[in-house]
Amino acid sequence: MMEALHWVFSLLAVPKTATSESGSVQNPVLLLLDSGNLVVRDENDSSPESYVWQSFDYPSDTSLPGMKVGVDLRTGFDRRLSSRKNWDDPSPGDLTYGVGIEGSPEIVLRKGLEKLSVSGLWNGNGFNGAPNLRSSSIFGYDFVWNENDVYYIFFLKNKSVMSRGVLNETQNARERYTWNAETQTWQLSLILPNGYCDIYGHCGPNGNCDDNKLPACQCLTQFRPKNGPKDGTLRTIREGVYTLSH
């Protein structure tokens, strides 16, 4: 497949010179890799992963295995997903999914400037605030943080599986779909945020969230709602109305 695509794209009107960070490239070649990454590389470069340009650096609303989501700390270049306005309008929406570097880095889902969901810190196998983002027999995860980069990446351990992540502007969620070969359909396998307690700041200051309780928001010990019932529960939703009084 790779050789065939190399031959096809070489016949296209690819410019005979291109510019990279290292200077002019005399023999640029356009390649569509099996990963889904569309790349431009110098045909004379002996390093197969030395790219002049790659589409994985400019994600839209979809993430694929092997795609980095994060920030180049040397240049400030930010690789983050950005939703489309809706299923019929491909223009950019205001839902984004990327790595926040304020304080300790973590993955943040935002609606404009508002945080909808945060992953918590990386613990070596997953994120302490996102139990669904952990390694399994099918998926692997990694979070790299050094002097040059901070990024999140997921990959497939089972190469027969096809999976993709998508930002859903309508639902204000990041969804993962896995291909079902039997039904020939994409099936929803993960959604973030998942439940009330995945929503950032859902219970407000001095509130505790437990999806196993109804209502999910409870006051911490020795606190009660500033405006609400005296049984220590919080019945209103979001927007800072959970301010509690001692």
Protein backbone atom coordinates (compact mmCIF):
# COMPACT_ATOMS: atom_id res chain seq x y z
CA MET A 1 0.00 0.00 0.00
CA MET A 2 2.76 2.42 0.96
CA GLU A 3 4.65 1.95 -2.31
CA ALA A 4 1.48 2.40 -4.35
CA LEU A 5 0.59 5.64 -2.59
CA HIS A 6 4.17 6.85 -2.97
CA TRP A 7 3.92 6.26 -6.72
CA VAL A 8 0.49 7.92 -7.06
CA PHE A 9 1.38 11.05 -5.11
CA SER A 10 4.72 11.38 -6.85
CA LEU A 11 2.79 11.81 -10.09
CA LEU A 12 0.72 14.65 -8.69
CA ALA A 13 1.70 18.28 -9.06
CA VAL A 14 3.83 18.35 -5.93
CA PRO A 15 6.19 21.37 -5.98
CA LYS A 16 9.77 20.50 -6.87
CA THR A 17 10.98 22.49 -3.86
CA ALA A 18 9.55 23.00 -0.42
CA THR A 19 10.66 24.74 2.73
CA SER A 20 11.25 23.04 6.07
CA GLU A 21 12.76 24.21 9.35
CA SER A 22 16.13 22.97 8.13
CA GLY A 23 15.92 24.82 4.80
CA SER A 24 14.88 24.10 1.21
CA VAL A 25 13.81 20.58 0.22
CA GLN A 26 14.59 19.74 -3.40
CA ASN A 27 12.51 16.56 -3.85
CA PRO A 28 9.36 16.75 -1.70
CA VAL A 29 7.09 13.70 -1.80
CA LEU A 30 3.51 13.52 -0.51
CA LEU A 31 2.61 10.32 1.34
CA LEU A 32 -0.56 9.05 3.00
CA LEU A 33 0.63 6.70 5.73
CA ASP A 34 -1.31 3.69 6.97
CA SER A 35 -1.86 5.60 10.23
CA GLY A 36 -3.91 8.20 8.35
CA ASN A 37 -1.16 10.81 8.65
CA LEU A 38 -0.66 12.80 5.44
CA VAL A 39 3.00 13.81 5.29
CA VAL A 40 5.47 15.64 3.07
CA ARG A 41 9.06 14.40 3.26
CA ASP A 42 12.29 14.80 1.34
CA GLU A 43 12.71 11.83 -0.97
CA ASN A 44 16.48 12.08 -0.47
CA ASP A 45 16.23 11.96 3.33
CA SER A 46 17.28 8.56 4.65
CA SER A 47 15.21 9.00 7.83
CA PRO A 48 11.68 7.71 7.07
CA GLU A 49 10.09 9.73 9.90
CA SER A 50 11.71 13.05 9.03
CA TYR A 51 8.77 15.12 7.75
CA VAL A 52 8.69 18.58 6.24
CA TRP A 53 5.00 18.76 7.14
CA GLN A 54 2.42 16.36 8.58
CA SER A 55 -1.35 16.55 9.01
CA PHE A 56 -1.12 15.04 12.52
CA ASP A 57 0.25 18.42 13.65
CA TYR A 58 -3.01 20.10 12.61
CA PRO A 59 -5.90 17.99 13.97
CA SER A 60 -9.46 19.08 13.36
CA ASP A 61 -12.20 17.40 15.41
CA THR A 62 -10.76 13.87 15.15
CA SER A 63 -7.83 12.12 16.87
CA LEU A 64 -6.26 8.91 15.57
CA PRO A 65 -3.89 6.45 17.25
CA GLY A 66 -0.34 7.83 17.24
CA MET A 67 -1.45 11.49 17.03
CA LYS A 68 0.10 13.79 19.64
CA VAL A 69 -2.15 16.19 21.54
CA GLY A 70 -0.07 18.74 23.38
CA VAL A 71 2.36 21.65 23.30
CA ASP A 72 5.88 22.12 21.96
CA LEU A 73 7.38 24.02 24.89
CA ARG A 74 10.23 25.39 22.75
CA THR A 75 8.02 27.12 20.20
CA GLY A 76 4.61 27.24 21.89
CA PHE A 77 3.08 25.26 19.01
CA ASP A 78 -0.18 23.79 20.32
CA ARG A 79 -1.67 20.60 18.88
CA ARG A 80 -5.27 20.46 20.05
CA LEU A 81 -8.54 19.18 18.69
CA SER A 82 -11.18 21.73 17.69
CA SER A 83 -14.79 20.81 16.97
CA ARG A 84 -16.88 21.70 13.96
CA LYS A 85 -19.93 23.87 14.63
CA ASN A 86 -22.31 20.99 14.01
CA TRP A 87 -22.65 17.88 11.85
CA ASP A 88 -23.70 19.97 8.84
CA ASP A 89 -21.30 22.90 9.30
CA PRO A 90 -17.56 22.08 9.17
CA SER A 91 -16.44 25.56 10.22
CA PRO A 92 -14.62 25.66 13.61
CA GLY A 93 -16.72 25.45 16.75
CA ASP A 94 -15.67 26.51 20.26
CA LEU A 95 -15.17 23.05 21.79
CA THR A 96 -11.47 22.14 22.17
CA TYR A 97 -9.49 19.22 23.61
CA GLY A 98 -5.84 19.72 24.47
CA VAL A 99 -3.20 19.87 27.18
CA GLY A 100 -3.45 22.72 29.66
CA ILE A 101 -0.05 23.83 30.94
CA GLU A 102 -1.20 26.14 33.72
CA GLY A 103 0.33 24.53 36.79
CA SER A 104 0.81 20.78 36.37
CA PRO A 105 -0.15 19.69 32.82
CA GLU A 106 -3.39 17.79 32.30
CA ILE A 107 -5.84 17.18 29.48
CA VAL A 108 -8.62 19.76 29.35
CA LEU A 109 -11.91 19.79 27.45
CA ARG A 110 -13.10 23.40 27.03
CA LYS A 111 -16.13 25.21 25.72
CA GLY A 112 -14.61 28.53 24.75
CA LEU A 113 -12.67 29.53 27.88
CA GLU A 114 -14.80 27.41 30.23
CA LYS A 115 -13.39 24.11 31.46
CA LEU A 116 -15.85 21.26 31.00
CA SER A 117 -13.66 18.34 32.06
CA VAL A 118 -10.08 17.79 33.26
CA SER A 119 -8.10 14.57 33.34
CA GLY A 120 -6.22 15.09 36.56
CA LEU A 121 -2.53 14.21 36.80
CA TRP A 122 -0.80 11.37 34.99
CA ASN A 123 0.06 8.47 37.34
CA GLY A 124 2.08 6.31 34.96
CA ASN A 125 -0.83 4.18 33.75
CA GLY A 126 -3.61 6.69 33.34
CA PHE A 127 -5.01 9.91 34.76
CA ASN A 128 -6.25 10.08 38.34
CA GLY A 129 -9.28 12.14 37.33
CA ALA A 130 -10.23 10.10 34.25
CA PRO A 131 -10.45 6.37 35.12
CA ASN A 132 -11.57 5.49 31.59
CA LEU A 133 -8.27 6.71 30.11
CA ARG A 134 -6.19 3.75 31.26
CA SER A 135 -4.24 1.08 29.42
CA SER A 136 -6.09 -2.10 28.50
CA SER A 137 -5.58 -5.14 26.29
CA ILE A 138 -6.64 -3.00 23.30
CA PHE A 139 -5.49 0.55 24.08
CA GLY A 140 -2.28 1.99 25.44
CA TYR A 141 -1.74 5.53 26.71
CA ASP A 142 1.27 7.69 27.33
CA PHE A 143 1.87 11.18 28.66
CA VAL A 144 5.23 12.83 27.94
CA TRP A 145 6.43 15.86 29.89
CA ASN A 146 10.01 17.07 29.47
CA GLU A 147 11.91 20.28 28.71
CA ASN A 148 10.86 20.16 25.05
CA ASP A 149 7.31 18.82 24.93
CA VAL A 150 4.23 17.96 26.89
CA TYR A 151 1.75 15.76 25.09
CA TYR A 152 -0.76 12.94 25.39
CA ILE A 153 -0.93 10.06 22.93
CA PHE A 154 -2.96 6.87 22.63
CA PHE A 155 -2.11 3.83 20.54
CA LEU A 156 -3.58 0.45 19.66
CA LYS A 157 -2.13 -2.75 21.09
CA ASN A 158 -4.46 -4.80 18.90
CA LYS A 159 -3.68 -3.74 15.33
CA SER A 160 -6.89 -5.31 14.01
CA VAL A 161 -8.94 -2.71 15.90
CA MET A 162 -9.88 0.62 14.29
CA SER A 163 -10.67 3.49 16.62
CA ARG A 164 -10.98 7.27 16.51
CA GLY A 165 -11.77 10.08 18.91
CA VAL A 166 -14.22 12.84 17.92
CA LEU A 167 -15.32 16.11 19.50
CA ASN A 168 -19.10 16.38 19.61
CA GLU A 169 -20.03 20.06 19.67
CA THR A 170 -23.73 19.30 20.18
CA GLN A 171 -23.13 17.15 23.27
CA ASN A 172 -20.11 19.13 24.57
CA ALA A 173 -18.21 15.86 24.76
CA ARG A 174 -15.19 14.00 23.48
CA GLU A 175 -16.28 10.60 22.15
CA ARG A 176 -14.34 7.55 21.04
CA TYR A 177 -15.72 5.20 18.42
CA THR A 178 -14.53 1.69 17.59
CA TRP A 179 -15.31 -0.04 14.31
CA ASN A 180 -17.56 -3.11 14.55
CA ALA A 181 -16.72 -5.36 11.60
CA GLU A 182 -19.84 -7.51 12.07
CA THR A 183 -22.33 -4.66 11.89
CA GLN A 184 -20.11 -2.43 9.70
CA THR A 185 -20.77 0.52 12.01
CA TRP A 186 -18.84 2.81 14.37
CA GLN A 187 -19.83 2.05 17.96
CA LEU A 188 -19.47 4.52 20.83
CA SER A 189 -16.97 3.07 23.33
CA LEU A 190 -16.06 6.06 25.53
CA ILE A 191 -17.40 9.51 26.30
CA LEU A 192 -15.96 12.40 28.34
CA PRO A 193 -17.34 13.82 30.52
CA ASN A 194 -19.13 10.66 31.65
CA GLY A 195 -21.67 11.52 34.32
CA TYR A 196 -22.14 14.57 36.51
CA CYS A 197 -18.94 14.03 38.49
CA ASP A 198 -16.80 14.22 35.35
CA ILE A 199 -17.97 17.81 34.83
CA TYR A 200 -15.37 20.25 36.08
CA GLY A 201 -16.50 22.11 39.21
CA HIS A 202 -19.96 20.57 39.01
CA CYS A 203 -20.60 20.73 42.76
CA GLY A 204 -18.88 24.04 43.36
CA PRO A 205 -16.64 25.01 46.30
CA ASN A 206 -16.89 22.79 49.38
CA GLY A 207 -19.09 20.30 47.54
CA ASN A 208 -18.44 16.60 46.99
CA CYS A 209 -19.67 14.72 43.92
CA ASP A 210 -20.75 11.06 44.02
CA ASP A 211 -22.51 9.59 40.98
CA ASN A 212 -23.84 6.77 43.17
CA LYS A 213 -25.92 9.19 45.22
CA LEU A 214 -29.02 11.19 44.37
CA PRO A 215 -28.50 14.06 44.11
CA ALA A 216 -24.87 13.58 43.13
CA CYS A 217 -23.69 16.75 44.89
CA GLN A 218 -23.27 16.59 48.65
CA CYS A 219 -21.90 19.14 51.14
CA LEU A 220 -18.61 18.44 52.84
CA THR A 221 -18.81 17.75 56.58
CA GLN A 222 -19.69 20.84 58.63
CA PHE A 223 -20.97 22.69 55.57
CA ARG A 224 -24.48 23.39 54.33
CA PRO A 225 -25.90 25.07 51.20
CA LYS A 226 -25.86 28.86 51.38
CA ASN A 227 -29.29 28.94 49.75
CA GLY A 228 -31.06 25.61 49.73
CA PRO A 229 -32.24 22.66 51.81
CA LYS A 230 -30.73 22.03 55.24
CA ASP A 231 -30.09 18.31 54.65
CA GLY A 232 -26.65 19.00 53.20
CA THR A 233 -27.55 18.14 49.60
CA LEU A 234 -27.21 20.38 46.58
CA ARG A 235 -30.03 20.30 44.10
CA THR A 236 -29.13 23.08 41.69
CA ILE A 237 -26.77 22.47 38.78
CA ARG A 238 -23.45 24.26 38.06
CA GLU A 239 -22.71 27.94 37.55
CA GLY A 240 -21.24 28.49 41.03
CA VAL A 241 -24.56 28.28 42.84
CA TYR A 242 -23.11 25.70 45.22
CA THR A 243 -21.33 28.26 47.37
CA LEU A 244 -21.67 26.82 50.86
CA SER A 245 -21.72 28.52 54.26
CA HIS A 246 -20.17 27.06 57.37
